Amino acid sequence: MNAKSILTTLVSTTLALGANTCACAADTHRVYSSGILVLLFIGFVALVVVVQMIPAIITLCGLIKGMVADRKTAEAAVKE
């Protein structure tokens, strides 16, 4: 089989399989049905994540400053 017949067979098979499947769409007349407690819980979880990111960012900044300071002292030692 040459490449053209393989490609034709592949495309026709894909189209045949795609035409036989049903579209299982969601019913969207009820978009949001959760209560206020769900929103408060999600907000609390988001707050916990943000509060835990603050020390991580501070530590990362300190690490970068330390690396830059070590590089500057190493360059100064090499120049002397």
PDB file of N, CA and C in Angstrom:
ATOM      1  N   MET A   1       0.835  -1.175   0.000  1.00  0.00           N
ATOM      2  CA  MET A   1       0.000   0.000   0.000  1.00  0.00           C
ATOM      3  C   MET A   1       0.886   1.247   0.000  1.00  0.00           C
ATOM      4  N   ASN A   2       0.460   2.192  -0.774  1.00  0.00           N
ATOM      5  CA  ASN A   2       1.234   3.418  -0.802  1.00  0.00           C
ATOM      6  C   ASN A   2       0.691   4.390   0.249  1.00  0.00           C
ATOM      7  N   ALA A   3       1.377   5.493   0.416  1.00  0.00           N
ATOM      8  CA  ALA A   3       1.035   6.452   1.461  1.00  0.00           C
ATOM      9  C   ALA A   3      -0.320   7.106   1.208  1.00  0.00           C
ATOM     10  N   LYS A   4      -0.669   7.322  -0.048  1.00  0.00           N
ATOM     11  CA  LYS A   4      -1.938   7.985  -0.357  1.00  0.00           C
ATOM     12  C   LYS A   4      -3.125   7.104   0.024  1.00  0.00           C
ATOM     13  N   SER A   5      -3.049   5.815  -0.247  1.00  0.00           N
ATOM     14  CA  SER A   5      -4.171   4.932   0.098  1.00  0.00           C
ATOM     15  C   SER A   5      -4.263   4.745   1.616  1.00  0.00           C
ATOM     16  N   ILE A   6      -3.132   4.721   2.296  1.00  0.00           N
ATOM     17  CA  ILE A   6      -3.147   4.617   3.756  1.00  0.00           C
ATOM     18  C   ILE A   6      -3.794   5.856   4.357  1.00  0.00           C
ATOM     19  N   LEU A   7      -3.425   7.021   3.851  1.00  0.00           N
ATOM     20  CA  LEU A   7      -3.991   8.272   4.347  1.00  0.00           C
ATOM     21  C   LEU A   7      -5.489   8.337   4.063  1.00  0.00           C
ATOM     22  N   THR A   8      -5.907   7.916   2.880  1.00  0.00           N
ATOM     23  CA  THR A   8      -7.324   7.910   2.530  1.00  0.00           C
ATOM     24  C   THR A   8      -8.106   6.977   3.441  1.00  0.00           C
ATOM     25  N   THR A   9      -7.566   5.794   3.698  1.00  0.00           N
ATOM     26  CA  THR A   9      -8.216   4.844   4.594  1.00  0.00           C
ATOM     27  C   THR A   9      -8.311   5.397   6.013  1.00  0.00           C
ATOM     28  N   LEU A  10      -7.253   6.017   6.475  1.00  0.00           N
ATOM     29  CA  LEU A  10      -7.241   6.585   7.826  1.00  0.00           C
ATOM     30  C   LEU A  10      -8.267   7.699   7.965  1.00  0.00           C
ATOM     31  N   VAL A  11      -8.341   8.583   6.980  1.00  0.00           N
ATOM     32  CA  VAL A  11      -9.296   9.687   7.029  1.00  0.00           C
ATOM     33  C   VAL A  11     -10.723   9.172   6.962  1.00  0.00           C
ATOM     34  N   SER A  12     -10.997   8.237   6.084  1.00  0.00           N
ATOM     35  CA  SER A  12     -12.368   7.718   5.969  1.00  0.00           C
ATOM     36  C   SER A  12     -12.778   6.963   7.230  1.00  0.00           C
ATOM     37  N   THR A  13     -11.867   6.229   7.838  1.00  0.00           N
ATOM     38  CA  THR A  13     -12.171   5.528   9.084  1.00  0.00           C
ATOM     39  C   THR A  13     -12.455   6.512  10.206  1.00  0.00           C
ATOM     40  N   THR A  14     -11.656   7.561  10.283  1.00  0.00           N
ATOM     41  CA  THR A  14     -11.855   8.577  11.314  1.00  0.00           C
ATOM     42  C   THR A  14     -13.198   9.272  11.139  1.00  0.00           C
ATOM     43  N   LEU A  15     -13.545   9.600   9.908  1.00  0.00           N
ATOM     44  CA  LEU A  15     -14.826  10.251   9.659  1.00  0.00           C
ATOM     45  C   LEU A  15     -15.987   9.323   9.976  1.00  0.00           C
ATOM     46  N   ALA A  16     -15.857   8.045   9.639  1.00  0.00           N
ATOM     47  CA  ALA A  16     -16.928   7.094   9.912  1.00  0.00           C
ATOM     48  C   ALA A  16     -17.115   6.906  11.413  1.00  0.00           C
ATOM     49  N   LEU A  17     -16.041   6.817  12.152  1.00  0.00           N
ATOM     50  CA  LEU A  17     -16.148   6.663  13.603  1.00  0.00           C
ATOM     51  C   LEU A  17     -16.691   7.933  14.251  1.00  0.00           C
ATOM     52  N   GLY A  18     -16.284   9.081  13.743  1.00  0.00           N
ATOM     53  CA  GLY A  18     -16.755  10.343  14.295  1.00  0.00           C
ATOM     54  C   GLY A  18     -18.222  10.582  14.029  1.00  0.00           C
ATOM     55  N   ALA A  19     -18.748  10.078  12.917  1.00  0.00           N
ATOM     56  CA  ALA A  19     -20.155  10.280  12.583  1.00  0.00           C
ATOM     57  C   ALA A  19     -21.059   9.369  13.392  1.00  0.00           C
ATOM     58  N   ASN A  20     -20.537   8.273  13.901  1.00  0.00           N
ATOM     59  CA  ASN A  20     -21.369   7.318  14.618  1.00  0.00           C
ATOM     60  C   ASN A  20     -21.470   7.595  16.113  1.00  0.00           C
ATOM     61  N   THR A  21     -20.699   8.525  16.632  1.00  0.00           N
ATOM     62  CA  THR A  21     -20.759   8.801  18.060  1.00  0.00           C
ATOM     63  C   THR A  21     -21.795   9.870  18.343  1.00  0.00           C
ATOM     64  N   CYS A  22     -22.388   9.789  19.511  1.00  0.00           N
ATOM     65  CA  CYS A  22     -23.390  10.775  19.878  1.00  0.00           C
ATOM     66  C   CYS A  22     -22.722  11.959  20.571  1.00  0.00           C
ATOM     67  N   ALA A  23     -23.352  13.099  20.463  1.00  0.00           N
ATOM     68  CA  ALA A  23     -22.865  14.276  21.158  1.00  0.00           C
ATOM     69  C   ALA A  23     -23.518  14.318  22.524  1.00  0.00           C
ATOM     70  N   CYS A  24     -22.736  14.102  23.546  1.00  0.00           N
ATOM     71  CA  CYS A  24     -23.269  14.080  24.911  1.00  0.00           C
ATOM     72  C   CYS A  24     -23.075  15.456  25.523  1.00  0.00           C
ATOM     73  N   ALA A  25     -23.915  16.377  25.180  1.00  0.00           N
ATOM     74  CA  ALA A  25     -23.802  17.738  25.675  1.00  0.00           C
ATOM     75  C   ALA A  25     -24.408  17.831  27.067  1.00  0.00           C
ATOM     76  N   ALA A  26     -23.884  18.765  27.837  1.00  0.00           N
ATOM     77  CA  ALA A  26     -24.376  18.960  29.191  1.00  0.00           C
ATOM     78  C   ALA A  26     -25.632  19.819  29.176  1.00  0.00           C
ATOM     79  N   ASP A  27     -26.469  19.581  30.141  1.00  0.00           N
ATOM     80  CA  ASP A  27     -27.672  20.399  30.298  1.00  0.00           C
ATOM     81  C   ASP A  27     -27.265  21.662  31.051  1.00  0.00           C
ATOM     82  N   THR A  28     -27.393  22.812  30.429  1.00  0.00           N
ATOM     83  CA  THR A  28     -26.845  24.039  31.004  1.00  0.00           C
ATOM     84  C   THR A  28     -27.899  24.981  31.551  1.00  0.00           C
ATOM     85  N   HIS A  29     -29.090  24.514  31.804  1.00  0.00           N
ATOM     86  CA  HIS A  29     -30.078  25.438  32.350  1.00  0.00           C
ATOM     87  C   HIS A  29     -29.822  25.729  33.823  1.00  0.00           C
ATOM     88  N   ARG A  30     -29.057  24.867  34.515  1.00  0.00           N
ATOM     89  CA  ARG A  30     -28.620  25.138  35.883  1.00  0.00           C
ATOM     90  C   ARG A  30     -27.110  25.298  35.858  1.00  0.00           C
ATOM     91  N   VAL A  31     -26.648  26.510  35.772  1.00  0.00           N
ATOM     92  CA  VAL A  31     -25.216  26.746  35.636  1.00  0.00           C
ATOM     93  C   VAL A  31     -24.519  26.598  36.972  1.00  0.00           C
ATOM     94  N   TYR A  32     -25.055  27.210  38.026  1.00  0.00           N
ATOM     95  CA  TYR A  32     -24.397  27.199  39.327  1.00  0.00           C
ATOM     96  C   TYR A  32     -25.426  26.822  40.380  1.00  0.00           C
ATOM     97  N   SER A  33     -25.179  25.758  41.110  1.00  0.00           N
ATOM     98  CA  SER A  33     -26.156  25.315  42.097  1.00  0.00           C
ATOM     99  C   SER A  33     -25.543  25.121  43.480  1.00  0.00           C
ATOM    100  N   SER A  34     -24.292  25.532  43.694  1.00  0.00           N
ATOM    101  CA  SER A  34     -23.663  25.378  44.997  1.00  0.00           C
ATOM    102  C   SER A  34     -24.075  26.526  45.910  1.00  0.00           C
ATOM    103  N   GLY A  35     -23.963  26.289  47.188  1.00  0.00           N
ATOM    104  CA  GLY A  35     -24.374  27.285  48.163  1.00  0.00           C
ATOM    105  C   GLY A  35     -23.232  28.179  48.596  1.00  0.00           C
ATOM    106  N   ILE A  36     -23.535  29.028  49.566  1.00  0.00           N
ATOM    107  CA  ILE A  36     -22.561  29.985  50.068  1.00  0.00           C
ATOM    108  C   ILE A  36     -21.434  29.292  50.831  1.00  0.00           C
ATOM    109  N   LEU A  37     -21.727  28.144  51.464  1.00  0.00           N
ATOM    110  CA  LEU A  37     -20.681  27.439  52.206  1.00  0.00           C
ATOM    111  C   LEU A  37     -19.589  26.912  51.278  1.00  0.00           C
ATOM    112  N   VAL A  38     -19.958  26.498  50.081  1.00  0.00           N
ATOM    113  CA  VAL A  38     -18.970  26.028  49.110  1.00  0.00           C
ATOM    114  C   VAL A  38     -18.062  27.183  48.692  1.00  0.00           C
ATOM    115  N   LEU A  39     -18.671  28.344  48.470  1.00  0.00           N
ATOM    116  CA  LEU A  39     -17.873  29.513  48.110  1.00  0.00           C
ATOM    117  C   LEU A  39     -16.941  29.921  49.240  1.00  0.00           C
ATOM    118  N   LEU A  40     -17.417  29.877  50.461  1.00  0.00           N
ATOM    119  CA  LEU A  40     -16.553  30.217  51.602  1.00  0.00           C
ATOM    120  C   LEU A  40     -15.397  29.226  51.736  1.00  0.00           C
ATOM    121  N   PHE A  41     -15.660  27.944  51.514  1.00  0.00           N
ATOM    122  CA  PHE A  41     -14.603  26.939  51.598  1.00  0.00           C
ATOM    123  C   PHE A  41     -13.552  27.154  50.511  1.00  0.00           C
ATOM    124  N   ILE A  42     -13.998  27.409  49.293  1.00  0.00           N
ATOM    125  CA  ILE A  42     -13.048  27.649  48.198  1.00  0.00           C
ATOM    126  C   ILE A  42     -12.238  28.917  48.471  1.00  0.00           C
ATOM    127  N   GLY A  43     -12.879  29.943  48.995  1.00  0.00           N
ATOM    128  CA  GLY A  43     -12.163  31.164  49.349  1.00  0.00           C
ATOM    129  C   GLY A  43     -11.140  30.925  50.440  1.00  0.00           C
ATOM    130  N   PHE A  44     -11.488  30.114  51.434  1.00  0.00           N
ATOM    131  CA  PHE A  44     -10.551  29.792  52.512  1.00  0.00           C
ATOM    132  C   PHE A  44      -9.347  29.025  51.986  1.00  0.00           C
ATOM    133  N   VAL A  45      -9.592  28.070  51.107  1.00  0.00           N
ATOM    134  CA  VAL A  45      -8.486  27.299  50.524  1.00  0.00           C
ATOM    135  C   VAL A  45      -7.576  28.210  49.706  1.00  0.00           C
ATOM    136  N   ALA A  46      -8.163  29.132  48.940  1.00  0.00           N
ATOM    137  CA  ALA A  46      -7.361  30.076  48.162  1.00  0.00           C
ATOM    138  C   ALA A  46      -6.541  30.973  49.083  1.00  0.00           C
ATOM    139  N   LEU A  47      -7.118  31.390  50.195  1.00  0.00           N
ATOM    140  CA  LEU A  47      -6.396  32.224  51.156  1.00  0.00           C
ATOM    141  C   LEU A  47      -5.223  31.469  51.764  1.00  0.00           C
ATOM    142  N   VAL A  48      -5.416  30.208  52.101  1.00  0.00           N
ATOM    143  CA  VAL A  48      -4.332  29.391  52.655  1.00  0.00           C
ATOM    144  C   VAL A  48      -3.191  29.258  51.648  1.00  0.00           C
ATOM    145  N   VAL A  49      -3.522  29.044  50.388  1.00  0.00           N
ATOM    146  CA  VAL A  49      -2.491  28.905  49.353  1.00  0.00           C
ATOM    147  C   VAL A  49      -1.702  30.200  49.201  1.00  0.00           C
ATOM    148  N   VAL A  50      -2.387  31.331  49.187  1.00  0.00           N
ATOM    149  CA  VAL A  50      -1.701  32.616  49.029  1.00  0.00           C
ATOM    150  C   VAL A  50      -0.818  32.905  50.232  1.00  0.00           C
ATOM    151  N   VAL A  51      -1.303  32.623  51.432  1.00  0.00           N
ATOM    152  CA  VAL A  51      -0.513  32.877  52.637  1.00  0.00           C
ATOM    153  C   VAL A  51       0.721  31.984  52.671  1.00  0.00           C
ATOM    154  N   GLN A  52       0.628  30.775  52.169  1.00  0.00           N
ATOM    155  CA  GLN A  52       1.795  29.899  52.147  1.00  0.00           C
ATOM    156  C   GLN A  52       2.786  30.286  51.059  1.00  0.00           C
ATOM    157  N   MET A  53       2.339  31.020  50.048  1.00  0.00           N
ATOM    158  CA  MET A  53       3.260  31.447  49.000  1.00  0.00           C
ATOM    159  C   MET A  53       4.146  32.604  49.447  1.00  0.00           C
ATOM    160  N   ILE A  54       3.700  33.395  50.415  1.00  0.00           N
ATOM    161  CA  ILE A  54       4.473  34.566  50.855  1.00  0.00           C
ATOM    162  C   ILE A  54       5.846  34.155  51.407  1.00  0.00           C
ATOM    163  N   PRO A  55       5.948  33.211  52.352  1.00  0.00           N
ATOM    164  CA  PRO A  55       7.288  32.812  52.818  1.00  0.00           C
ATOM    165  C   PRO A  55       8.137  32.161  51.726  1.00  0.00           C
ATOM    166  N   ALA A  56       7.485  31.451  50.810  1.00  0.00           N
ATOM    167  CA  ALA A  56       8.243  30.827  49.724  1.00  0.00           C
ATOM    168  C   ALA A  56       8.861  31.887  48.822  1.00  0.00           C
ATOM    169  N   ILE A  57       8.124  32.946  48.532  1.00  0.00           N
ATOM    170  CA  ILE A  57       8.660  34.022  47.695  1.00  0.00           C
ATOM    171  C   ILE A  57       9.781  34.749  48.413  1.00  0.00           C
ATOM    172  N   ILE A  58       9.616  34.993  49.716  1.00  0.00           N
ATOM    173  CA  ILE A  58      10.673  35.654  50.490  1.00  0.00           C
ATOM    174  C   ILE A  58      11.936  34.806  50.502  1.00  0.00           C
ATOM    175  N   THR A  59      11.780  33.491  50.691  1.00  0.00           N
ATOM    176  CA  THR A  59      12.935  32.592  50.679  1.00  0.00           C
ATOM    177  C   THR A  59      13.613  32.579  49.314  1.00  0.00           C
ATOM    178  N   LEU A  60      12.834  32.580  48.249  1.00  0.00           N
ATOM    179  CA  LEU A  60      13.398  32.591  46.902  1.00  0.00           C
ATOM    180  C   LEU A  60      14.175  33.876  46.640  1.00  0.00           C
ATOM    181  N   CYS A  61      13.633  35.009  47.081  1.00  0.00           N
ATOM    182  CA  CYS A  61      14.345  36.279  46.909  1.00  0.00           C
ATOM    183  C   CYS A  61      15.654  36.275  47.683  1.00  0.00           C
ATOM    184  N   GLY A  62      15.638  35.743  48.910  1.00  0.00           N
ATOM    185  CA  GLY A  62      16.864  35.648  49.699  1.00  0.00           C
ATOM    186  C   GLY A  62      17.894  34.744  49.048  1.00  0.00           C
ATOM    187  N   LEU A  63      17.445  33.665  48.468  1.00  0.00           N
ATOM    188  CA  LEU A  63      18.346  32.737  47.785  1.00  0.00           C
ATOM    189  C   LEU A  63      19.003  33.405  46.585  1.00  0.00           C
ATOM    190  N   ILE A  64      18.201  34.141  45.810  1.00  0.00           N
ATOM    191  CA  ILE A  64      18.754  34.826  44.633  1.00  0.00           C
ATOM    192  C   ILE A  64      19.732  35.917  45.049  1.00  0.00           C
ATOM    193  N   LYS A  65      19.392  36.684  46.098  1.00  0.00           N
ATOM    194  CA  LYS A  65      20.305  37.723  46.588  1.00  0.00           C
ATOM    195  C   LYS A  65      21.611  37.114  47.077  1.00  0.00           C
ATOM    196  N   GLY A  66      21.516  35.979  47.759  1.00  0.00           N
ATOM    197  CA  GLY A  66      22.718  35.307  48.237  1.00  0.00           C
ATOM    198  C   GLY A  66      23.590  34.823  47.098  1.00  0.00           C
ATOM    199  N   MET A  67      22.987  34.309  46.045  1.00  0.00           N
ATOM    200  CA  MET A  67      23.763  33.838  44.900  1.00  0.00           C
ATOM    201  C   MET A  67      24.451  35.002  44.197  1.00  0.00           C
ATOM    202  N   VAL A  68      23.746  36.110  44.057  1.00  0.00           N
ATOM    203  CA  VAL A  68      24.340  37.283  43.413  1.00  0.00           C
ATOM    204  C   VAL A  68      25.474  37.834  44.261  1.00  0.00           C
ATOM    205  N   ALA A  69      25.297  37.871  45.578  1.00  0.00           N
ATOM    206  CA  ALA A  69      26.341  38.382  46.471  1.00  0.00           C
ATOM    207  C   ALA A  69      27.571  37.476  46.427  1.00  0.00           C
ATOM    208  N   ASP A  70      27.361  36.149  46.398  1.00  0.00           N
ATOM    209  CA  ASP A  70      28.485  35.214  46.312  1.00  0.00           C
ATOM    210  C   ASP A  70      29.238  35.389  44.999  1.00  0.00           C
ATOM    211  N   ARG A  71      28.524  35.642  43.914  1.00  0.00           N
ATOM    212  CA  ARG A  71      29.180  35.836  42.622  1.00  0.00           C
ATOM    213  C   ARG A  71      30.007  37.118  42.631  1.00  0.00           C
ATOM    214  N   LYS A  72      29.465  38.193  43.237  1.00  0.00           N
ATOM    215  CA  LYS A  72      30.202  39.451  43.285  1.00  0.00           C
ATOM    216  C   LYS A  72      31.448  39.324  44.147  1.00  0.00           C
ATOM    217  N   THR A  73      31.374  38.622  45.269  1.00  0.00           N
ATOM    218  CA  THR A  73      32.566  38.446  46.112  1.00  0.00           C
ATOM    219  C   THR A  73      33.593  37.550  45.410  1.00  0.00           C
ATOM    220  N   ALA A  74      33.127  36.568  44.660  1.00  0.00           N
ATOM    221  CA  ALA A  74      34.057  35.702  43.929  1.00  0.00           C
ATOM    222  C   ALA A  74      34.748  36.482  42.825  1.00  0.00           C
ATOM    223  N   GLU A  75      34.001  37.354  42.113  1.00  0.00           N
ATOM    224  CA  GLU A  75      34.609  38.173  41.063  1.00  0.00           C
ATOM    225  C   GLU A  75      35.600  39.169  41.667  1.00  0.00           C
ATOM    226  N   ALA A  76      35.278  39.715  42.828  1.00  0.00           N
ATOM    227  CA  ALA A  76      36.189  40.667  43.475  1.00  0.00           C
ATOM    228  C   ALA A  76      37.461  39.961  43.929  1.00  0.00           C
ATOM    229  N   ALA A  77      37.346  38.718  44.378  1.00  0.00           N
ATOM    230  CA  ALA A  77      38.521  37.974  44.811  1.00  0.00           C
ATOM    231  C   ALA A  77      39.403  37.610  43.634  1.00  0.00           C
ATOM    232  N   VAL A  78      38.816  37.343  42.489  1.00  0.00           N
ATOM    233  CA  VAL A  78      39.590  36.986  41.311  1.00  0.00           C
ATOM    234  C   VAL A  78      40.343  38.213  40.784  1.00  0.00           C
ATOM    235  N   LYS A  79      39.725  39.389  40.847  1.00  0.00           N
ATOM    236  CA  LYS A  79      40.346  40.606  40.327  1.00  0.00           C
ATOM    237  C   LYS A  79      41.528  41.051  41.189  1.00  0.00           C
ATOM    238  N   GLU A  80      41.514  40.707  42.473  1.00  0.00           N
ATOM    239  CA  GLU A  80      42.605  41.147  43.359  1.00  0.00           C
ATOM    240  C   GLU A  80      43.795  40.314  43.204  1.00  0.00           C
TER     241      GLU A  80
END
